[in-house]
Amino acid sequence: MRRWEKSVKVSNVITLRLFFFYFCRYTSYHYRNWLTHLKQRIVKRLSLITIAAAMVAACNTQQEQTISTLKIDTDKVVQNESVDCIIDTTSLEFVILETTDDCLLGFAEQIGYRGDTIIIFDKSTQSIFFFDSKGHYLSKIHRVGRSRTEYVEIDNLCFTNDEVIIYDWDGKIVAYGFDGKFRYSFEVPKAQSLYEKDGNILVAHGWNVSEDTEWGRVSVYNKKGERLSALLKIDEADANRADWSDTKYINGFGDSLFFMAPFDNVVYKYENGDFVPAYQFDFGANNIPAEVAREGAMSKTQKNYSYTYEFRETERYRFAGFHGANQRSLIDWIFDKKKNQTVVLSNSLKFNSIRIFPNIDRIDDSGKYISGYMPVSAAKYLQAEDYKKLGDKSVWPKEVASLPGDDNGVIIRVRLKNLNDD
């Protein structure tokens, strides 16, 4: 009996030892696995944090590289500054427009060159006229009416290589070929400006057109009237902004496309199907603050703050038009990218006696020319002033003096200096 009891005790001890051994081995194995798993989770979390931090840093770096601050001192504005520094003085062209009963102009609101064809939008007659490069009248588009193939009133428009695309005040896009034939039309909300790119139409909408925040500041339509996307969507603050219909929001050159929201002082560049900030104008103490920008109150901005309302970039230059709080007037700014300096900052630009206004919509789509229009009365007066000062060295053609007062007028075109010039 004692022998049996002894064997039982020995067996129990061995069993306990084995149990303890395997228990320790089991717990040790799982403990090691748990530690390994914990370590892996910690490493993974740290890796994610590192990646996130790197992405934020990269985004910040990219933003710093993308957005350039353009500082403008409006106190340095010079009256009547010469534009000899930006134009090729040997390229001055005068085009005296033919006058017939079929092409009586009130005033050339917008001028476009397409090859040897001059396209003129005349707001007073609601017509689009076509002239050749010598000023001979070719044809016109005048389709006032309320059908889908007509327009009530041209609010703004753009020219492509073979189309005139109109925003009708009645709330639709209407397009015609250069032969005057109707091509397509579709309804859109209020359009401040239009631009055609890659076969689609970009429409900058008015701010007070709708409370529906789905509508973007810029919408992209195909020529069937299908809205493909909305860029730079309006937020609640933006929805209350003023509708400033004189602003030209979208301008392009080559593959570049720029957009400027009113009262923003930010220029957006079109990249990869969206607008991204490219330039920020800084007017120092006179810079328009964000809260005033959101209110969009013209009375406040005109008296107290400077703000940019137009921008365009060409191969060599950056152009902007802005309101100068100190000057109480509109100012033209031209920056030479080759020289890396401002070359014009002025209220009024003159070459000889000819006033050259480098308005954004007067710059040719090639980025090489500025075009302007003068009624006969103004052209004759400035020609006389030029002859008084320069005599036979005047650049004005002598034919201007004999023009009847009710003739169409004169287009002046100058070539901008290009990248090969000093």
Protein backbone atom coordinates (compact mmCIF):
# COMPACT_ATOMS: atom_id res chain seq x y z
CA MET A 1 0.00 0.00 0.00
CA ARG A 2 2.75 2.38 0.89
CA ARG A 3 4.54 1.48 -2.29
CA TRP A 4 1.39 2.32 -4.25
CA GLU A 5 0.91 5.61 -2.41
CA LYS A 6 4.54 6.46 -3.05
CA SER A 7 4.18 5.74 -6.76
CA VAL A 8 1.04 7.87 -6.89
CA LYS A 9 2.85 10.79 -5.24
CA VAL A 10 5.75 10.45 -7.67
CA SER A 11 3.32 10.30 -10.56
CA ASN A 12 1.52 13.44 -9.31
CA VAL A 13 4.78 15.29 -8.96
CA ILE A 14 5.83 14.33 -12.47
CA THR A 15 2.41 15.33 -13.79
CA LEU A 16 2.58 18.71 -12.05
CA ARG A 17 6.07 19.26 -13.33
CA LEU A 18 5.04 18.36 -16.85
CA PHE A 19 1.96 20.57 -16.56
CA PHE A 20 4.05 23.46 -15.28
CA PHE A 21 6.66 22.89 -18.01
CA TYR A 22 4.13 22.83 -20.82
CA PHE A 23 2.19 25.72 -19.28
CA CYS A 24 5.31 27.84 -19.15
CA ARG A 25 6.26 26.79 -22.66
CA TYR A 26 2.76 27.58 -23.94
CA THR A 27 2.54 30.95 -22.24
CA SER A 28 6.09 31.79 -23.29
CA TYR A 29 5.30 30.93 -26.92
CA HIS A 30 2.14 33.07 -26.97
CA TYR A 31 3.84 35.82 -25.02
CA ARG A 32 6.59 35.94 -27.63
CA ASN A 33 3.93 35.94 -30.37
CA TRP A 34 2.06 38.70 -28.57
CA LEU A 35 5.23 40.75 -28.22
CA THR A 36 6.07 40.18 -31.88
CA HIS A 37 2.54 41.20 -32.92
CA LEU A 38 2.67 44.25 -30.67
CA LYS A 39 6.03 45.22 -32.10
CA GLN A 40 4.72 44.83 -35.64
CA ARG A 41 1.68 46.99 -34.84
CA ILE A 42 3.89 49.68 -33.29
CA VAL A 43 6.24 49.64 -36.30
CA LYS A 44 3.25 49.79 -38.67
CA ARG A 45 1.72 52.72 -36.79
CA LEU A 46 5.04 54.55 -36.75
CA SER A 47 5.45 53.91 -40.47
CA LEU A 48 1.97 55.30 -41.17
CA ILE A 49 2.69 58.37 -39.04
CA THR A 50 6.01 58.85 -40.83
CA ILE A 51 4.35 58.51 -44.24
CA ALA A 52 1.55 60.91 -43.25
CA ALA A 53 4.07 63.43 -41.96
CA ALA A 54 6.07 63.09 -45.17
CA MET A 55 2.92 63.61 -47.25
CA VAL A 56 1.98 66.75 -45.30
CA ALA A 57 5.51 68.06 -45.67
CA ALA A 58 5.45 67.25 -49.37
CA CYS A 59 2.09 69.01 -49.78
CA ASN A 60 3.37 72.06 -47.94
CA THR A 61 6.53 72.06 -50.05
CA GLN A 62 4.49 71.65 -53.22
CA GLN A 63 2.17 74.49 -52.20
CA GLU A 64 5.14 76.72 -51.48
CA GLN A 65 6.59 75.87 -54.86
CA THR A 66 3.26 76.35 -56.66
CA ILE A 67 2.03 79.65 -55.22
CA SER A 68 4.14 82.74 -55.96
CA THR A 69 3.47 86.01 -54.16
CA LEU A 70 3.46 89.05 -56.45
CA LYS A 71 4.07 92.21 -54.42
CA ILE A 72 2.82 95.47 -55.89
CA ASP A 73 3.48 98.95 -54.48
CA THR A 74 0.67 101.15 -55.81
CA ASP A 75 2.46 104.28 -54.53
CA LYS A 76 4.99 103.85 -57.32
CA VAL A 77 2.45 104.27 -60.14
CA VAL A 78 3.76 106.59 -62.85
CA GLN A 79 1.37 108.60 -65.04
CA ASN A 80 1.69 108.16 -68.80
CA GLU A 81 4.61 105.78 -68.64
CA SER A 82 6.03 104.80 -72.04
CA VAL A 83 5.45 101.29 -73.31
CA ASP A 84 8.55 101.29 -75.54
CA CYS A 85 10.05 98.74 -73.16
CA ILE A 86 7.50 96.05 -74.09
CA ILE A 87 6.59 96.67 -77.73
CA ASP A 88 8.42 96.25 -81.01
CA THR A 89 8.18 99.83 -82.27
CA THR A 90 8.73 98.72 -85.87
CA SER A 91 5.62 96.53 -85.83
CA LEU A 92 2.94 99.18 -85.40
CA GLU A 93 -0.02 98.40 -87.67
CA PHE A 94 -3.00 100.62 -88.53
CA VAL A 95 -6.04 98.92 -90.07
CA ILE A 96 -8.64 101.36 -91.38
CA LEU A 97 -11.92 99.48 -91.41
CA GLU A 98 -14.07 99.64 -94.51
CA THR A 99 -17.43 101.34 -94.03
CA THR A 100 -20.54 100.20 -95.86
CA ASP A 101 -24.25 100.14 -95.06
CA ASP A 102 -23.86 96.48 -94.06
CA CYS A 103 -21.08 97.02 -91.50
CA LEU A 104 -21.70 100.19 -89.52
CA LEU A 105 -19.92 99.86 -86.16
CA GLY A 106 -20.93 101.58 -82.97
CA PHE A 107 -17.83 100.56 -81.00
CA ALA A 108 -15.51 97.55 -81.20
CA GLU A 109 -16.10 95.96 -77.81
CA GLN A 110 -13.93 92.91 -78.49
CA ILE A 111 -11.33 92.21 -81.18
CA GLY A 112 -9.96 88.83 -82.24
CA TYR A 113 -7.48 87.81 -84.92
CA ARG A 114 -7.71 84.38 -86.52
CA GLY A 115 -5.09 84.13 -89.22
CA ASP A 116 -5.77 86.94 -91.69
CA THR A 117 -9.32 87.46 -90.42
CA ILE A 118 -10.28 90.17 -87.92
CA ILE A 119 -13.36 89.43 -85.79
CA ILE A 120 -15.08 92.33 -84.04
CA PHE A 121 -17.93 92.23 -81.55
CA ASP A 122 -19.96 95.43 -81.68
CA LYS A 123 -22.16 95.69 -78.59
CA SER A 124 -24.21 98.62 -79.83
CA THR A 125 -25.52 96.71 -82.86
CA GLN A 126 -25.32 93.25 -81.25
CA SER A 127 -23.37 92.06 -84.24
CA ILE A 128 -20.13 90.19 -84.94
CA PHE A 129 -18.25 91.51 -87.97
CA PHE A 130 -15.55 89.83 -90.05
CA PHE A 131 -12.87 91.84 -91.88
CA ASP A 132 -9.72 90.76 -93.68
CA SER A 133 -6.28 91.89 -92.50
CA LYS A 134 -6.49 94.99 -94.73
CA GLY A 135 -9.79 96.09 -93.21
CA HIS A 136 -12.08 94.98 -96.04
CA TYR A 137 -15.52 93.89 -94.86
CA LEU A 138 -16.28 90.17 -95.31
CA SER A 139 -19.49 89.26 -93.45
CA LYS A 140 -21.34 89.52 -90.16
CA ILE A 141 -23.46 87.55 -87.69
CA HIS A 142 -26.64 89.29 -86.58
CA ARG A 143 -29.23 86.79 -85.30
CA VAL A 144 -31.28 88.68 -82.70
CA GLY A 145 -34.39 86.77 -81.63
CA ARG A 146 -35.70 84.24 -79.12
CA SER A 147 -35.42 80.93 -80.95
CA ARG A 148 -32.76 78.35 -80.06
CA THR A 149 -30.71 79.44 -83.09
CA GLU A 150 -30.79 83.14 -82.09
CA TYR A 151 -29.74 85.36 -79.18
CA VAL A 152 -31.55 88.17 -77.35
CA GLU A 153 -28.44 90.07 -76.24
CA ILE A 154 -24.75 89.14 -76.32
CA ASP A 155 -23.46 89.40 -72.76
CA ASN A 156 -19.99 87.99 -73.47
CA LEU A 157 -18.33 85.68 -75.94
CA CYS A 158 -15.16 83.91 -77.01
CA PHE A 159 -13.58 83.07 -80.37
CA THR A 160 -12.11 79.70 -81.29
CA ASN A 161 -10.32 78.79 -84.52
CA ASP A 162 -13.62 78.27 -86.35
CA GLU A 163 -16.45 79.29 -84.00
CA VAL A 164 -17.93 82.26 -82.22
CA ILE A 165 -19.36 81.09 -78.87
CA ILE A 166 -21.84 83.51 -77.31
CA TYR A 167 -23.42 83.73 -73.88
CA ASP A 168 -26.89 85.13 -74.46
CA TRP A 169 -28.31 87.35 -71.71
CA ASP A 170 -31.45 85.19 -72.01
CA GLY A 171 -29.54 82.32 -70.37
CA LYS A 172 -27.99 80.15 -73.05
CA ILE A 173 -24.86 79.38 -75.00
CA VAL A 174 -25.19 79.86 -78.78
CA ALA A 175 -22.43 79.02 -81.27
CA TYR A 176 -21.94 79.92 -84.92
CA GLY A 177 -19.32 79.08 -87.49
CA PHE A 178 -17.34 81.84 -89.15
CA ASP A 179 -19.69 81.38 -92.11
CA GLY A 180 -22.54 82.58 -89.86
CA LYS A 181 -24.29 79.20 -89.73
CA PHE A 182 -25.82 78.07 -86.44
CA ARG A 183 -24.03 75.12 -84.81
CA TYR A 184 -25.49 74.43 -81.33
CA SER A 185 -27.10 76.00 -78.27
CA PHE A 186 -27.94 75.00 -74.68
CA GLU A 187 -29.06 76.66 -71.46
CA VAL A 188 -26.63 77.62 -68.68
CA PRO A 189 -26.80 79.69 -65.47
CA LYS A 190 -25.39 83.21 -65.49
CA ALA A 191 -22.05 83.20 -67.32
CA GLN A 192 -19.48 85.88 -66.58
CA SER A 193 -16.99 84.62 -69.14
CA LEU A 194 -16.41 81.73 -71.53
CA TYR A 195 -13.38 79.88 -72.78
CA GLU A 196 -13.09 76.94 -75.14
CA LYS A 197 -10.45 74.30 -74.38
CA ASP A 198 -9.93 70.83 -75.83
CA GLY A 199 -13.37 70.86 -77.45
CA ASN A 200 -15.19 71.76 -74.21
CA ILE A 201 -16.56 75.09 -73.00
CA LEU A 202 -15.52 76.46 -69.61
CA VAL A 203 -18.10 78.79 -68.11
CA ALA A 204 -17.37 81.10 -65.17
CA HIS A 205 -20.71 81.56 -63.42
CA GLY A 206 -22.06 84.67 -61.74
CA TRP A 207 -22.01 84.72 -57.96
CA ASN A 208 -25.67 85.59 -57.41
CA VAL A 209 -27.07 83.18 -59.97
CA SER A 210 -28.28 80.54 -57.52
CA GLU A 211 -28.19 79.48 -53.88
CA ASP A 212 -27.50 75.93 -55.02
CA THR A 213 -23.92 75.39 -53.83
CA GLU A 214 -23.53 72.46 -56.19
CA TRP A 215 -22.85 74.92 -58.99
CA GLY A 216 -19.18 75.67 -59.38
CA ARG A 217 -17.45 78.94 -60.00
CA VAL A 218 -16.38 77.33 -63.26
CA SER A 219 -18.34 74.59 -65.03
CA VAL A 220 -17.14 72.46 -67.92
CA TYR A 221 -19.66 71.65 -70.67
CA ASN A 222 -19.33 69.64 -73.83
CA LYS A 223 -20.90 71.03 -76.98
CA LYS A 224 -23.99 68.91 -76.46
CA GLY A 225 -24.74 70.99 -73.37
CA GLU A 226 -23.84 68.24 -70.89
CA ARG A 227 -22.20 69.57 -67.74
CA LEU A 228 -19.11 67.44 -67.23
CA SER A 229 -17.73 68.88 -64.01
CA ALA A 230 -17.67 71.83 -61.63
CA LEU A 231 -14.35 73.37 -60.63
CA LEU A 232 -13.68 75.55 -57.60
CA LYS A 233 -17.10 74.95 -56.06
CA ILE A 234 -18.78 77.85 -54.31
CA ASP A 235 -18.92 77.68 -50.52
CA GLU A 236 -21.45 79.46 -48.31
CA ALA A 237 -19.36 82.62 -48.00
CA ASP A 238 -18.75 82.84 -51.74
CA ALA A 239 -22.44 82.52 -52.56
CA ASN A 240 -23.05 86.06 -51.24
CA ARG A 241 -20.43 87.73 -53.40
CA ALA A 242 -21.30 90.54 -55.77
CA ASP A 243 -21.96 89.81 -59.40
CA TRP A 244 -19.39 91.92 -61.22
CA SER A 245 -20.14 91.33 -64.89
CA ASP A 246 -17.30 93.47 -66.26
CA THR A 247 -14.64 91.12 -64.90
CA LYS A 248 -12.97 88.74 -67.36
CA TYR A 249 -12.44 85.64 -65.29
CA ILE A 250 -10.88 83.14 -67.70
CA ASN A 251 -7.92 83.84 -69.98
CA GLY A 252 -5.67 81.46 -71.83
CA PHE A 253 -2.40 81.28 -73.70
CA GLY A 254 -1.20 78.11 -75.44
CA ASP A 255 -1.76 75.24 -73.03
CA SER A 256 -2.07 77.57 -70.03
CA LEU A 257 -5.39 78.72 -68.65
CA PHE A 258 -5.93 81.21 -65.82
CA PHE A 259 -8.95 82.05 -63.70
CA MET A 260 -9.52 84.96 -61.34
CA ALA A 261 -12.36 85.18 -58.87
CA PRO A 262 -13.47 88.75 -58.06
CA PHE A 263 -12.03 90.30 -54.88
CA ASP A 264 -9.79 87.27 -54.30
CA ASN A 265 -6.33 88.52 -55.35
CA VAL A 266 -5.56 84.87 -56.12
CA VAL A 267 -4.83 83.64 -59.64
CA TYR A 268 -5.66 80.00 -60.33
CA LYS A 269 -3.98 77.94 -63.04
CA TYR A 270 -5.72 75.07 -64.82
CA GLU A 271 -3.81 71.83 -64.27
CA ASN A 272 -4.87 68.19 -64.54
CA GLY A 273 -8.55 69.01 -64.89
CA ASP A 274 -8.79 71.49 -62.00
CA PHE A 275 -7.77 75.01 -61.01
CA VAL A 276 -4.94 75.28 -58.47
CA PRO A 277 -3.57 78.49 -56.87
CA ALA A 278 -0.66 79.87 -58.89
CA TYR A 279 -0.16 83.50 -57.81
CA GLN A 280 -1.19 85.63 -54.84
CA PHE A 281 -1.15 89.42 -55.22
CA ASP A 282 0.05 91.33 -52.17
CA PHE A 283 -0.65 95.07 -51.92
CA GLY A 284 0.73 95.43 -48.40
CA ALA A 285 -1.40 97.46 -46.00
CA ASN A 286 -3.92 98.11 -48.77
CA ASN A 287 -4.47 94.43 -49.52
CA ILE A 288 -8.11 93.41 -49.52
CA PRO A 289 -8.88 91.40 -46.36
CA ALA A 290 -10.70 88.09 -46.50
CA GLU A 291 -13.84 89.32 -44.74
CA VAL A 292 -14.31 92.14 -47.25
CA ALA A 293 -13.61 89.71 -50.08
CA ARG A 294 -16.41 87.49 -48.86
CA GLU A 295 -18.83 90.39 -48.57
CA GLY A 296 -18.01 91.52 -52.08
CA ALA A 297 -19.15 95.06 -51.31
CA MET A 298 -18.01 97.34 -54.13
CA SER A 299 -18.32 100.54 -52.07
CA LYS A 300 -15.95 99.19 -49.44
CA THR A 301 -13.35 97.79 -51.80
CA GLN A 302 -13.16 100.73 -54.18
CA LYS A 303 -12.40 103.28 -51.46
CA ASN A 304 -10.17 101.41 -49.07
CA TYR A 305 -8.42 98.47 -50.69
CA SER A 306 -6.42 97.40 -53.69
CA TYR A 307 -7.54 94.31 -55.56
CA THR A 308 -6.81 92.59 -58.87
CA TYR A 309 -9.61 92.09 -61.36
CA GLU A 310 -7.82 90.67 -64.41
CA PHE A 311 -4.73 88.56 -65.07
CA ARG A 312 -3.03 87.02 -68.05
CA GLU A 313 0.32 85.40 -68.70
CA THR A 314 2.06 85.10 -72.06
CA GLU A 315 5.35 83.57 -73.14
CA ARG A 316 7.34 86.47 -71.79
CA TYR A 317 5.02 88.70 -69.74
CA ARG A 318 2.50 88.71 -66.94
CA PHE A 319 -0.26 91.31 -67.23
CA ALA A 320 -2.70 92.40 -64.55
CA GLY A 321 -5.26 95.13 -64.13
CA PHE A 322 -6.10 96.18 -60.59
CA HIS A 323 -7.75 98.85 -58.54
CA GLY A 324 -5.25 100.92 -56.59
CA ALA A 325 -6.66 102.24 -53.33
CA ASN A 326 -4.07 105.01 -53.13
CA GLN A 327 -4.48 106.02 -56.76
CA ARG A 328 -8.29 105.88 -56.84
CA SER A 329 -8.07 104.47 -60.34
CA LEU A 330 -7.44 101.37 -62.43
CA ILE A 331 -3.79 100.47 -62.89
CA ASP A 332 -1.99 98.34 -65.48
CA TRP A 333 0.90 96.12 -64.33
CA ILE A 334 3.26 94.35 -66.70
CA PHE A 335 6.01 92.02 -65.51
CA ASP A 336 8.85 90.88 -67.77
CA LYS A 337 9.62 87.25 -66.92
CA LYS A 338 12.90 87.32 -68.83
CA LYS A 339 14.20 90.36 -66.93
CA ASN A 340 12.40 89.24 -63.76
CA GLN A 341 11.12 92.75 -63.07
CA THR A 342 8.10 95.01 -63.38
CA VAL A 343 8.42 97.02 -66.61
CA VAL A 344 5.13 98.95 -66.52
CA LEU A 345 3.05 100.15 -63.58
CA SER A 346 0.84 102.95 -64.80
CA ASN A 347 -2.60 104.54 -64.96
CA SER A 348 -2.27 105.36 -68.65
CA LEU A 349 0.17 104.02 -71.24
CA LYS A 350 1.27 106.00 -74.28
CA PHE A 351 3.50 105.36 -77.27
CA ASN A 352 4.13 108.70 -78.96
CA SER A 353 0.63 110.18 -78.88
CA ILE A 354 -1.04 106.78 -79.17
CA ARG A 355 -2.64 105.49 -76.05
CA ILE A 356 -1.91 101.78 -75.72
CA PHE A 357 -4.16 100.01 -73.24
CA PRO A 358 -2.88 96.48 -72.57
CA ASN A 359 -6.26 95.32 -71.37
CA ILE A 360 -6.34 91.58 -70.88
CA ASP A 361 -8.97 90.99 -73.56
CA ARG A 362 -6.93 93.04 -76.05
CA ILE A 363 -3.95 90.67 -75.95
CA ASP A 364 -3.89 88.27 -78.87
CA ASP A 365 -4.34 84.58 -78.06
CA SER A 366 -0.86 84.01 -79.46
CA GLY A 367 0.45 86.27 -76.70
CA LYS A 368 2.35 88.33 -79.27
CA TYR A 369 0.09 91.31 -80.02
CA ILE A 370 -2.00 93.98 -78.33
CA SER A 371 -4.88 95.34 -80.39
CA GLY A 372 -6.95 98.44 -79.80
CA TYR A 373 -9.80 100.22 -81.55
CA MET A 374 -10.32 103.96 -82.04
CA PRO A 375 -13.32 105.79 -83.49
CA VAL A 376 -12.43 108.14 -86.33
CA SER A 377 -12.72 111.27 -84.16
CA ALA A 378 -10.18 110.00 -81.63
CA ALA A 379 -7.83 108.70 -84.32
CA LYS A 380 -7.84 112.03 -86.18
CA TYR A 381 -7.20 113.99 -82.98
CA LEU A 382 -4.28 111.81 -81.89
CA GLN A 383 -2.84 111.78 -85.39
CA ALA A 384 -2.85 115.61 -85.41
CA GLU A 385 -1.12 115.68 -82.02
CA ASP A 386 1.50 113.25 -83.27
CA TYR A 387 2.19 115.31 -86.40
CA LYS A 388 2.58 118.48 -84.30
CA LYS A 389 5.27 116.77 -82.26
CA LEU A 390 7.05 114.62 -84.86
CA GLY A 391 6.12 116.02 -88.27
CA ASP A 392 6.80 113.57 -91.08
CA LYS A 393 8.29 111.11 -88.58
CA SER A 394 4.82 110.47 -87.23
CA VAL A 395 3.83 106.82 -87.31
CA TRP A 396 0.22 107.62 -88.23
CA PRO A 397 -0.93 106.91 -91.80
CA LYS A 398 -1.89 110.07 -93.68
CA GLU A 399 -5.19 108.53 -94.82
CA VAL A 400 -6.63 108.95 -91.32
CA ALA A 401 -6.88 112.74 -91.75
CA SER A 402 -9.26 112.40 -94.68
CA LEU A 403 -11.61 109.85 -93.09
CA PRO A 404 -15.29 110.90 -92.85
CA GLY A 405 -16.40 111.34 -89.25
CA ASP A 406 -19.03 108.61 -89.51
CA ASP A 407 -16.62 105.93 -90.77
CA ASN A 408 -16.00 102.77 -88.77
CA GLY A 409 -12.67 103.64 -87.25
CA VAL A 410 -9.13 102.34 -86.94
CA ILE A 411 -7.59 99.25 -85.34
CA ILE A 412 -4.10 99.71 -83.92
CA ARG A 413 -2.00 96.61 -83.45
CA VAL A 414 1.48 96.38 -81.91
CA ARG A 415 3.75 93.39 -81.47
CA LEU A 416 5.10 92.61 -78.03
CA LYS A 417 8.79 91.91 -77.67
CA ASN A 418 9.49 88.22 -77.66
CA LEU A 419 11.95 85.98 -75.81
CA ASN A 420 14.70 86.62 -78.36
CA ASP A 421 14.70 90.36 -77.65
CA ASP A 422 16.89 92.04 -75.07
